[in-house]
Amino acid sequence: MDWEDTFRSWAKSPSTTEQDKSDNAETAIRKAVTNHSHFTNRSVRVFTQGAYRNRTNIGAESDVDVGVLCTDTFFFDLPERFTADAFGISTPAEYKHPEFKNHLHEALNYHFGTNVVSRGNKAFDIHENTYRIDADVVPHFEYRRYDKNGSYLTGTSFLTDDGKRIINWPEQNYENGVAKNNATGYRFKALT
């Protein structure tokens, strides 16, 4: 295997066809969510994340990572010896993450068909077809990490089907990648 050729091909931006298929996957997921009745009165946002958003994906070998973020409620972590009441947080939440994930599953099945959607422990896999690439869809709630003064950092969080909570920082990840790419004279993304 010629590793130099492999690395060069990985460093190329996706072709127009690959980019169109990526965009089609994102658009279809957005339609599945916005057109489903469970989300009519919910504050839900669909966004891309990971290599696709960062434009560091590896051509035909990539998928699109899509987050579906519900901000009607949130996960949080507090400083030691503080309670939720100290920050004006009422618990428990009325809309729970497992219910949100089930609603998202219904929306995706309704839009794509049950033979196209696979539910995993963390995300849903939307299988590719002739006009879109594979997509991973992750159901997120907002995440807040509070400081003693009441301010907080915002990220995203979700529960796996086996009950583990995962915290992500997609905005910070993206902003750090852009800053690093700018600081390296646009060489960083060409190498990742």
C-alpha atoms as a PDB file:
ATOM      1  CA  MET A   1       0.000   0.000   0.000  1.00  0.00           C
ATOM      2  CA  ASP A   2       1.295   3.454  -0.885  1.00  0.00           C
ATOM      3  CA  TRP A   3       0.635   5.460   2.286  1.00  0.00           C
ATOM      4  CA  GLU A   4       1.574   8.794   0.719  1.00  0.00           C
ATOM      5  CA  ASP A   5      -1.159   8.391  -1.932  1.00  0.00           C
ATOM      6  CA  THR A   6      -3.630   7.299   0.730  1.00  0.00           C
ATOM      7  CA  PHE A   7      -2.863  10.327   2.935  1.00  0.00           C
ATOM      8  CA  ARG A   8      -3.073  12.676  -0.075  1.00  0.00           C
ATOM      9  CA  SER A   9      -6.486  11.292  -1.040  1.00  0.00           C
ATOM     10  CA  TRP A  10      -7.704  11.656   2.554  1.00  0.00           C
ATOM     11  CA  ALA A  11      -6.557  15.290   2.657  1.00  0.00           C
ATOM     12  CA  LYS A  12      -8.641  16.249  -0.394  1.00  0.00           C
ATOM     13  CA  SER A  13     -11.949  17.980   0.126  1.00  0.00           C
ATOM     14  CA  PRO A  14     -14.982  15.925  -0.825  1.00  0.00           C
ATOM     15  CA  SER A  15     -15.925  15.997  -4.497  1.00  0.00           C
ATOM     16  CA  THR A  16     -18.999  17.933  -5.611  1.00  0.00           C
ATOM     17  CA  THR A  17     -20.976  14.680  -5.782  1.00  0.00           C
ATOM     18  CA  GLU A  18     -19.859  13.623  -2.294  1.00  0.00           C
ATOM     19  CA  GLN A  19     -20.669  17.079  -0.925  1.00  0.00           C
ATOM     20  CA  ASP A  20     -24.112  17.011  -2.558  1.00  0.00           C
ATOM     21  CA  LYS A  21     -24.826  13.601  -1.023  1.00  0.00           C
ATOM     22  CA  SER A  22     -23.707  14.886   2.393  1.00  0.00           C
ATOM     23  CA  ASP A  23     -25.914  17.961   2.076  1.00  0.00           C
ATOM     24  CA  ASN A  24     -28.862  15.781   0.966  1.00  0.00           C
ATOM     25  CA  ALA A  25     -28.511  13.603   4.073  1.00  0.00           C
ATOM     26  CA  GLU A  26     -28.503  16.659   6.353  1.00  0.00           C
ATOM     27  CA  THR A  27     -31.515  18.182   4.568  1.00  0.00           C
ATOM     28  CA  ALA A  28     -33.521  14.946   4.760  1.00  0.00           C
ATOM     29  CA  ILE A  29     -32.891  14.613   8.502  1.00  0.00           C
ATOM     30  CA  ARG A  30     -33.893  18.239   9.051  1.00  0.00           C
ATOM     31  CA  LYS A  31     -37.173  17.591   7.187  1.00  0.00           C
ATOM     32  CA  ALA A  32     -37.825  14.427   9.209  1.00  0.00           C
ATOM     33  CA  VAL A  33     -37.545  16.413  12.444  1.00  0.00           C
ATOM     34  CA  THR A  34     -39.335  19.633  11.461  1.00  0.00           C
ATOM     35  CA  ASN A  35     -42.250  17.784   9.864  1.00  0.00           C
ATOM     36  CA  HIS A  36     -42.949  15.429  12.772  1.00  0.00           C
ATOM     37  CA  SER A  37     -45.815  16.206  15.167  1.00  0.00           C
ATOM     38  CA  HIS A  38     -43.827  15.411  18.349  1.00  0.00           C
ATOM     39  CA  PHE A  39     -41.587  18.397  17.684  1.00  0.00           C
ATOM     40  CA  THR A  40     -44.212  20.961  16.635  1.00  0.00           C
ATOM     41  CA  ASN A  41     -44.289  22.656  20.048  1.00  0.00           C
ATOM     42  CA  ARG A  42     -40.744  21.821  21.086  1.00  0.00           C
ATOM     43  CA  SER A  43     -37.599  23.885  20.793  1.00  0.00           C
ATOM     44  CA  VAL A  44     -35.534  21.591  18.578  1.00  0.00           C
ATOM     45  CA  ARG A  45     -32.576  22.441  16.355  1.00  0.00           C
ATOM     46  CA  VAL A  46     -30.818  20.218  13.813  1.00  0.00           C
ATOM     47  CA  PHE A  47     -27.105  20.834  13.296  1.00  0.00           C
ATOM     48  CA  THR A  48     -24.088  19.144  11.763  1.00  0.00           C
ATOM     49  CA  GLN A  49     -21.072  18.278  13.828  1.00  0.00           C
ATOM     50  CA  GLY A  50     -17.780  16.449  13.624  1.00  0.00           C
ATOM     51  CA  ALA A  51     -15.749  15.938  10.462  1.00  0.00           C
ATOM     52  CA  TYR A  52     -18.548  16.973   8.082  1.00  0.00           C
ATOM     53  CA  ARG A  53     -19.065  20.362   9.734  1.00  0.00           C
ATOM     54  CA  ASN A  54     -15.337  20.842  10.185  1.00  0.00           C
ATOM     55  CA  ARG A  55     -14.756  19.935   6.523  1.00  0.00           C
ATOM     56  CA  THR A  56     -12.220  17.296   7.533  1.00  0.00           C
ATOM     57  CA  ASN A  57     -14.201  14.288   6.321  1.00  0.00           C
ATOM     58  CA  ILE A  58     -12.534  11.635   4.197  1.00  0.00           C
ATOM     59  CA  GLY A  59     -14.472  11.639   0.935  1.00  0.00           C
ATOM     60  CA  ALA A  60     -16.452   8.532   0.082  1.00  0.00           C
ATOM     61  CA  GLU A  61     -15.471   6.855   3.372  1.00  0.00           C
ATOM     62  CA  SER A  62     -17.337   9.438   5.477  1.00  0.00           C
ATOM     63  CA  ASP A  63     -20.751   9.777   6.940  1.00  0.00           C
ATOM     64  CA  VAL A  64     -22.560  12.867   8.158  1.00  0.00           C
ATOM     65  CA  ASP A  65     -22.839  13.411  11.915  1.00  0.00           C
ATOM     66  CA  VAL A  66     -26.053  15.246  12.710  1.00  0.00           C
ATOM     67  CA  GLY A  67     -27.158  16.406  16.133  1.00  0.00           C
ATOM     68  CA  VAL A  68     -30.784  16.996  17.052  1.00  0.00           C
ATOM     69  CA  LEU A  69     -30.798  19.332  20.039  1.00  0.00           C
ATOM     70  CA  CYS A  70     -33.818  19.866  22.275  1.00  0.00           C
ATOM     71  CA  THR A  71     -33.502  22.896  24.550  1.00  0.00           C
ATOM     72  CA  ASP A  72     -36.837  22.482  26.367  1.00  0.00           C
ATOM     73  CA  THR A  73     -34.814  21.022  29.221  1.00  0.00           C
ATOM     74  CA  PHE A  74     -31.151  20.419  29.977  1.00  0.00           C
ATOM     75  CA  PHE A  75     -28.625  18.273  31.766  1.00  0.00           C
ATOM     76  CA  PHE A  76     -26.388  20.055  34.244  1.00  0.00           C
ATOM     77  CA  ASP A  77     -23.491  19.724  36.643  1.00  0.00           C
ATOM     78  CA  LEU A  78     -23.143  21.945  39.696  1.00  0.00           C
ATOM     79  CA  PRO A  79     -20.182  23.000  41.827  1.00  0.00           C
ATOM     80  CA  GLU A  80     -19.606  20.958  44.968  1.00  0.00           C
ATOM     81  CA  ARG A  81     -22.028  21.653  47.840  1.00  0.00           C
ATOM     82  CA  PHE A  82     -24.517  23.522  45.605  1.00  0.00           C
ATOM     83  CA  THR A  83     -28.067  22.410  44.907  1.00  0.00           C
ATOM     84  CA  ALA A  84     -30.223  22.942  41.821  1.00  0.00           C
ATOM     85  CA  ASP A  85     -32.397  25.373  43.818  1.00  0.00           C
ATOM     86  CA  ALA A  86     -29.409  27.691  44.259  1.00  0.00           C
ATOM     87  CA  PHE A  87     -29.379  28.199  40.481  1.00  0.00           C
ATOM     88  CA  GLY A  88     -33.153  28.366  39.980  1.00  0.00           C
ATOM     89  CA  ILE A  89     -33.295  24.912  38.412  1.00  0.00           C
ATOM     90  CA  SER A  90     -36.453  22.907  39.000  1.00  0.00           C
ATOM     91  CA  THR A  91     -36.186  19.136  38.881  1.00  0.00           C
ATOM     92  CA  PRO A  92     -37.127  16.661  37.633  1.00  0.00           C
ATOM     93  CA  ALA A  93     -37.568  17.658  34.019  1.00  0.00           C
ATOM     94  CA  GLU A  94     -40.974  17.143  32.417  1.00  0.00           C
ATOM     95  CA  TYR A  95     -39.520  15.959  29.099  1.00  0.00           C
ATOM     96  CA  LYS A  96     -37.020  13.182  29.625  1.00  0.00           C
ATOM     97  CA  HIS A  97     -34.217  12.216  27.268  1.00  0.00           C
ATOM     98  CA  PRO A  98     -35.388   8.605  26.639  1.00  0.00           C
ATOM     99  CA  GLU A  99     -38.787   9.997  25.559  1.00  0.00           C
ATOM    100  CA  PHE A 100     -37.051  12.500  23.264  1.00  0.00           C
ATOM    101  CA  LYS A 101     -34.930   9.727  21.712  1.00  0.00           C
ATOM    102  CA  ASN A 102     -38.052   7.605  21.147  1.00  0.00           C
ATOM    103  CA  HIS A 103     -39.798  10.553  19.487  1.00  0.00           C
ATOM    104  CA  LEU A 104     -36.781  11.107  17.251  1.00  0.00           C
ATOM    105  CA  HIS A 105     -36.806   7.415  16.354  1.00  0.00           C
ATOM    106  CA  GLU A 106     -40.485   7.701  15.326  1.00  0.00           C
ATOM    107  CA  ALA A 107     -39.748  10.799  13.229  1.00  0.00           C
ATOM    108  CA  LEU A 108     -36.842   9.147  11.419  1.00  0.00           C
ATOM    109  CA  ASN A 109     -38.779   5.910  10.815  1.00  0.00           C
ATOM    110  CA  TYR A 110     -41.755   7.864   9.490  1.00  0.00           C
ATOM    111  CA  HIS A 111     -39.629   9.901   7.089  1.00  0.00           C
ATOM    112  CA  PHE A 112     -37.092   7.298   5.927  1.00  0.00           C
ATOM    113  CA  GLY A 113     -38.821   3.968   6.615  1.00  0.00           C
ATOM    114  CA  THR A 114     -37.969   1.369   9.245  1.00  0.00           C
ATOM    115  CA  ASN A 115     -35.677  -0.535   6.870  1.00  0.00           C
ATOM    116  CA  VAL A 116     -33.393   2.526   6.519  1.00  0.00           C
ATOM    117  CA  VAL A 117     -33.077   3.494  10.216  1.00  0.00           C
ATOM    118  CA  SER A 118     -31.042   1.496  12.739  1.00  0.00           C
ATOM    119  CA  ARG A 119     -31.085   2.422  16.416  1.00  0.00           C
ATOM    120  CA  GLY A 120     -27.779   2.145  18.215  1.00  0.00           C
ATOM    121  CA  ASN A 121     -26.847   2.670  21.846  1.00  0.00           C
ATOM    122  CA  LYS A 122     -25.823   6.289  21.168  1.00  0.00           C
ATOM    123  CA  ALA A 123     -27.227   7.282  17.790  1.00  0.00           C
ATOM    124  CA  PHE A 124     -29.399   6.351  14.855  1.00  0.00           C
ATOM    125  CA  ASP A 125     -27.806   5.229  11.611  1.00  0.00           C
ATOM    126  CA  ILE A 126     -29.588   6.408   8.480  1.00  0.00           C
ATOM    127  CA  HIS A 127     -28.391   4.134   5.698  1.00  0.00           C
ATOM    128  CA  GLU A 128     -27.209   5.646   2.451  1.00  0.00           C
ATOM    129  CA  ASN A 129     -28.977   5.482  -0.894  1.00  0.00           C
ATOM    130  CA  THR A 130     -28.173   6.816  -4.357  1.00  0.00           C
ATOM    131  CA  TYR A 131     -28.565  10.500  -3.410  1.00  0.00           C
ATOM    132  CA  ARG A 132     -27.300  10.664   0.190  1.00  0.00           C
ATOM    133  CA  ILE A 133     -24.486   9.166   2.266  1.00  0.00           C
ATOM    134  CA  ASP A 134     -24.804   7.376   5.608  1.00  0.00           C
ATOM    135  CA  ALA A 135     -25.693   9.612   8.528  1.00  0.00           C
ATOM    136  CA  ASP A 136     -25.404   9.237  12.286  1.00  0.00           C
ATOM    137  CA  VAL A 137     -28.110  11.130  14.163  1.00  0.00           C
ATOM    138  CA  VAL A 138     -27.586  11.875  17.857  1.00  0.00           C
ATOM    139  CA  PRO A 139     -30.430  13.134  20.111  1.00  0.00           C
ATOM    140  CA  HIS A 140     -29.000  15.854  22.374  1.00  0.00           C
ATOM    141  CA  PHE A 141     -30.260  17.928  25.247  1.00  0.00           C
ATOM    142  CA  GLU A 142     -28.526  21.156  26.165  1.00  0.00           C
ATOM    143  CA  TYR A 143     -25.809  20.718  28.799  1.00  0.00           C
ATOM    144  CA  ARG A 144     -24.796  23.341  31.359  1.00  0.00           C
ATOM    145  CA  ARG A 145     -21.744  23.207  33.614  1.00  0.00           C
ATOM    146  CA  TYR A 146     -22.341  25.795  36.333  1.00  0.00           C
ATOM    147  CA  ASP A 147     -19.778  27.881  38.140  1.00  0.00           C
ATOM    148  CA  LYS A 148     -20.264  29.103  41.714  1.00  0.00           C
ATOM    149  CA  ASN A 149     -21.183  32.613  40.472  1.00  0.00           C
ATOM    150  CA  GLY A 150     -24.154  31.237  38.479  1.00  0.00           C
ATOM    151  CA  SER A 151     -22.568  31.467  35.039  1.00  0.00           C
ATOM    152  CA  TYR A 152     -22.292  28.300  32.996  1.00  0.00           C
ATOM    153  CA  LEU A 153     -20.604  26.761  29.984  1.00  0.00           C
ATOM    154  CA  THR A 154     -22.988  25.355  27.387  1.00  0.00           C
ATOM    155  CA  GLY A 155     -22.525  22.140  25.475  1.00  0.00           C
ATOM    156  CA  THR A 156     -24.675  19.172  24.571  1.00  0.00           C
ATOM    157  CA  SER A 157     -25.364  15.905  26.350  1.00  0.00           C
ATOM    158  CA  PHE A 158     -27.268  12.700  25.776  1.00  0.00           C
ATOM    159  CA  LEU A 159     -28.014   9.407  27.449  1.00  0.00           C
ATOM    160  CA  THR A 160     -27.034   6.147  25.836  1.00  0.00           C
ATOM    161  CA  ASP A 161     -29.664   3.408  25.799  1.00  0.00           C
ATOM    162  CA  ASP A 162     -27.644   1.649  28.506  1.00  0.00           C
ATOM    163  CA  GLY A 163     -27.880   4.728  30.764  1.00  0.00           C
ATOM    164  CA  LYS A 164     -24.519   6.491  30.409  1.00  0.00           C
ATOM    165  CA  ARG A 165     -24.460  10.266  30.032  1.00  0.00           C
ATOM    166  CA  ILE A 166     -22.161  11.622  27.319  1.00  0.00           C
ATOM    167  CA  ILE A 167     -21.145  15.294  27.213  1.00  0.00           C
ATOM    168  CA  ASN A 168     -19.997  16.994  24.004  1.00  0.00           C
ATOM    169  CA  TRP A 169     -18.826  20.486  23.125  1.00  0.00           C
ATOM    170  CA  PRO A 170     -19.623  20.764  19.374  1.00  0.00           C
ATOM    171  CA  GLU A 171     -19.420  24.565  19.156  1.00  0.00           C
ATOM    172  CA  GLN A 172     -16.136  24.748  21.027  1.00  0.00           C
ATOM    173  CA  ASN A 173     -14.750  21.877  18.928  1.00  0.00           C
ATOM    174  CA  TYR A 174     -15.658  23.691  15.728  1.00  0.00           C
ATOM    175  CA  GLU A 175     -14.326  27.073  16.906  1.00  0.00           C
ATOM    176  CA  ASN A 176     -11.052  25.513  18.094  1.00  0.00           C
ATOM    177  CA  GLY A 177     -10.608  23.773  14.726  1.00  0.00           C
ATOM    178  CA  VAL A 178     -11.180  27.009  12.820  1.00  0.00           C
ATOM    179  CA  ALA A 179      -8.739  28.875  15.078  1.00  0.00           C
ATOM    180  CA  LYS A 180      -6.102  26.156  14.682  1.00  0.00           C
ATOM    181  CA  ASN A 181      -6.584  26.102  10.904  1.00  0.00           C
ATOM    182  CA  ASN A 182      -6.172  29.889  10.745  1.00  0.00           C
ATOM    183  CA  ALA A 183      -3.106  29.799  13.021  1.00  0.00           C
ATOM    184  CA  THR A 184      -1.398  27.198  10.817  1.00  0.00           C
ATOM    185  CA  GLY A 185      -1.973  29.092   7.567  1.00  0.00           C
ATOM    186  CA  TYR A 186      -4.844  26.744   6.624  1.00  0.00           C
ATOM    187  CA  ARG A 187      -2.620  23.650   6.819  1.00  0.00           C
ATOM    188  CA  PHE A 188      -4.382  22.004   9.796  1.00  0.00           C
ATOM    189  CA  LYS A 189      -7.495  20.867   7.937  1.00  0.00           C
ATOM    190  CA  ALA A 190      -5.450  19.705   4.982  1.00  0.00           C
ATOM    191  CA  LEU A 191      -3.650  17.270   7.320  1.00  0.00           C
ATOM    192  CA  THR A 192      -6.554  15.950   9.391  1.00  0.00           C
END
